[in-house]
Amino acid sequence: MTRTTAALAAFMLGAGLFLTACGPTHEGAGQAKPAGNSSADTQQLQQMQQKVDSAESAAAQAESDATQNN
C-alpha cells in the first residue's frame, strides 16, 4: 500500500466519521417531527450532500495524482 493510498483511505474514513457525527440525531421512536422542520431538514440534507460530493471529488483527485506519480 503506497503512502498516497493510505492517506486517501485515512481521509475517506475521517470524512465518513465526520459526516456520521454531523448527521441527523434520533429524536425518539414514533414521535412525529413538527411540520416546520422540513425546510431545515432539506437544508441539512443539501449541506451533507455537498460535503459528500466534495469528499468524492477530493478522493478522485488524490487517486488521479497518485496514478500520475506512479
C-alpha atoms as a PDB file:
ATOM      1  CA  MET A   1       0.000   0.000   0.000  1.00  0.00           C
ATOM      2  CA  THR A   2       1.527   3.303  -1.012  1.00  0.00           C
ATOM      3  CA  ARG A   3       1.517   6.352   1.199  1.00  0.00           C
ATOM      4  CA  THR A   4      -0.953   8.078  -1.116  1.00  0.00           C
ATOM      5  CA  THR A   5      -3.360   5.163  -0.918  1.00  0.00           C
ATOM      6  CA  ALA A   6      -3.028   5.053   2.860  1.00  0.00           C
ATOM      7  CA  ALA A   7      -3.598   8.820   3.066  1.00  0.00           C
ATOM      8  CA  LEU A   8      -6.645   8.524   0.823  1.00  0.00           C
ATOM      9  CA  ALA A   9      -8.058   5.706   2.948  1.00  0.00           C
ATOM     10  CA  ALA A  10      -7.492   7.708   6.129  1.00  0.00           C
ATOM     11  CA  PHE A  11      -9.131  10.770   4.573  1.00  0.00           C
ATOM     12  CA  MET A  12     -12.192   8.809   3.464  1.00  0.00           C
ATOM     13  CA  LEU A  13     -12.509   7.192   6.885  1.00  0.00           C
ATOM     14  CA  GLY A  14     -12.239  10.578   8.580  1.00  0.00           C
ATOM     15  CA  ALA A  15     -14.773  12.117   6.192  1.00  0.00           C
ATOM     16  CA  GLY A  16     -17.178   9.253   6.837  1.00  0.00           C
ATOM     17  CA  LEU A  17     -16.865   9.648  10.589  1.00  0.00           C
ATOM     18  CA  PHE A  18     -17.292  13.415  10.336  1.00  0.00           C
ATOM     19  CA  LEU A  19     -20.423  13.104   8.213  1.00  0.00           C
ATOM     20  CA  THR A  20     -21.834  10.473  10.549  1.00  0.00           C
ATOM     21  CA  ALA A  21     -21.268  12.728  13.555  1.00  0.00           C
ATOM     22  CA  CYS A  22     -22.891  15.683  11.786  1.00  0.00           C
ATOM     23  CA  GLY A  23     -25.917  13.715  10.672  1.00  0.00           C
ATOM     24  CA  PRO A  24     -29.449  13.933  11.983  1.00  0.00           C
ATOM     25  CA  THR A  25     -29.988  12.785  15.542  1.00  0.00           C
ATOM     26  CA  HIS A  26     -32.577  10.355  16.799  1.00  0.00           C
ATOM     27  CA  GLU A  27     -35.496  12.225  18.349  1.00  0.00           C
ATOM     28  CA  GLY A  28     -37.344   9.249  19.733  1.00  0.00           C
ATOM     29  CA  ALA A  29     -39.186   6.346  18.209  1.00  0.00           C
ATOM     30  CA  GLY A  30     -42.676   7.023  16.996  1.00  0.00           C
ATOM     31  CA  GLN A  31     -42.531  10.762  17.544  1.00  0.00           C
ATOM     32  CA  ALA A  32     -43.501  12.889  14.575  1.00  0.00           C
ATOM     33  CA  LYS A  33     -41.426  15.945  13.778  1.00  0.00           C
ATOM     34  CA  PRO A  34     -43.180  19.290  13.660  1.00  0.00           C
ATOM     35  CA  ALA A  35     -44.045  20.384  10.126  1.00  0.00           C
ATOM     36  CA  GLY A  36     -41.799  23.460  10.403  1.00  0.00           C
ATOM     37  CA  ASN A  37     -38.611  21.341  10.332  1.00  0.00           C
ATOM     38  CA  SER A  38     -38.966  20.228   6.711  1.00  0.00           C
ATOM     39  CA  SER A  39     -37.112  23.311   5.422  1.00  0.00           C
ATOM     40  CA  ALA A  40     -34.310  22.830   7.968  1.00  0.00           C
ATOM     41  CA  ASP A  41     -34.113  19.133   7.105  1.00  0.00           C
ATOM     42  CA  THR A  42     -33.882  19.926   3.394  1.00  0.00           C
ATOM     43  CA  GLN A  43     -31.128  22.452   4.015  1.00  0.00           C
ATOM     44  CA  GLN A  44     -29.183  19.997   6.180  1.00  0.00           C
ATOM     45  CA  LEU A  45     -29.557  17.312   3.517  1.00  0.00           C
ATOM     46  CA  GLN A  46     -28.197  19.664   0.863  1.00  0.00           C
ATOM     47  CA  GLN A  47     -25.230  20.598   3.063  1.00  0.00           C
ATOM     48  CA  MET A  48     -24.445  16.949   3.741  1.00  0.00           C
ATOM     49  CA  GLN A  49     -24.680  16.156   0.017  1.00  0.00           C
ATOM     50  CA  GLN A  50     -22.231  18.975  -0.748  1.00  0.00           C
ATOM     51  CA  LYS A  51     -19.800  17.554   1.818  1.00  0.00           C
ATOM     52  CA  VAL A  52     -20.083  14.082   0.306  1.00  0.00           C
ATOM     53  CA  ASP A  53     -19.573  15.491  -3.197  1.00  0.00           C
ATOM     54  CA  SER A  54     -16.512  17.415  -2.014  1.00  0.00           C
ATOM     55  CA  ALA A  55     -15.050  14.310  -0.359  1.00  0.00           C
ATOM     56  CA  GLU A  56     -15.641  12.249  -3.516  1.00  0.00           C
ATOM     57  CA  SER A  57     -14.024  14.949  -5.645  1.00  0.00           C
ATOM     58  CA  ALA A  58     -11.004  15.122  -3.341  1.00  0.00           C
ATOM     59  CA  ALA A  59     -10.676  11.339  -3.392  1.00  0.00           C
ATOM     60  CA  ALA A  60     -10.862  11.264  -7.192  1.00  0.00           C
ATOM     61  CA  GLN A  61      -8.217  13.995  -7.427  1.00  0.00           C
ATOM     62  CA  ALA A  62      -5.948  12.157  -4.994  1.00  0.00           C
ATOM     63  CA  GLU A  63      -6.351   8.951  -6.984  1.00  0.00           C
ATOM     64  CA  SER A  64      -5.585  10.801 -10.216  1.00  0.00           C
ATOM     65  CA  ASP A  65      -2.500  12.374  -8.672  1.00  0.00           C
ATOM     66  CA  ALA A  66      -1.337   9.001  -7.364  1.00  0.00           C
ATOM     67  CA  THR A  67      -1.806   7.424 -10.787  1.00  0.00           C
ATOM     68  CA  GLN A  68       0.223  10.170 -12.458  1.00  0.00           C
ATOM     69  CA  ASN A  69       3.020   9.847  -9.881  1.00  0.00           C
ATOM     70  CA  ASN A  70       3.349   6.061 -10.299  1.00  0.00           C
END
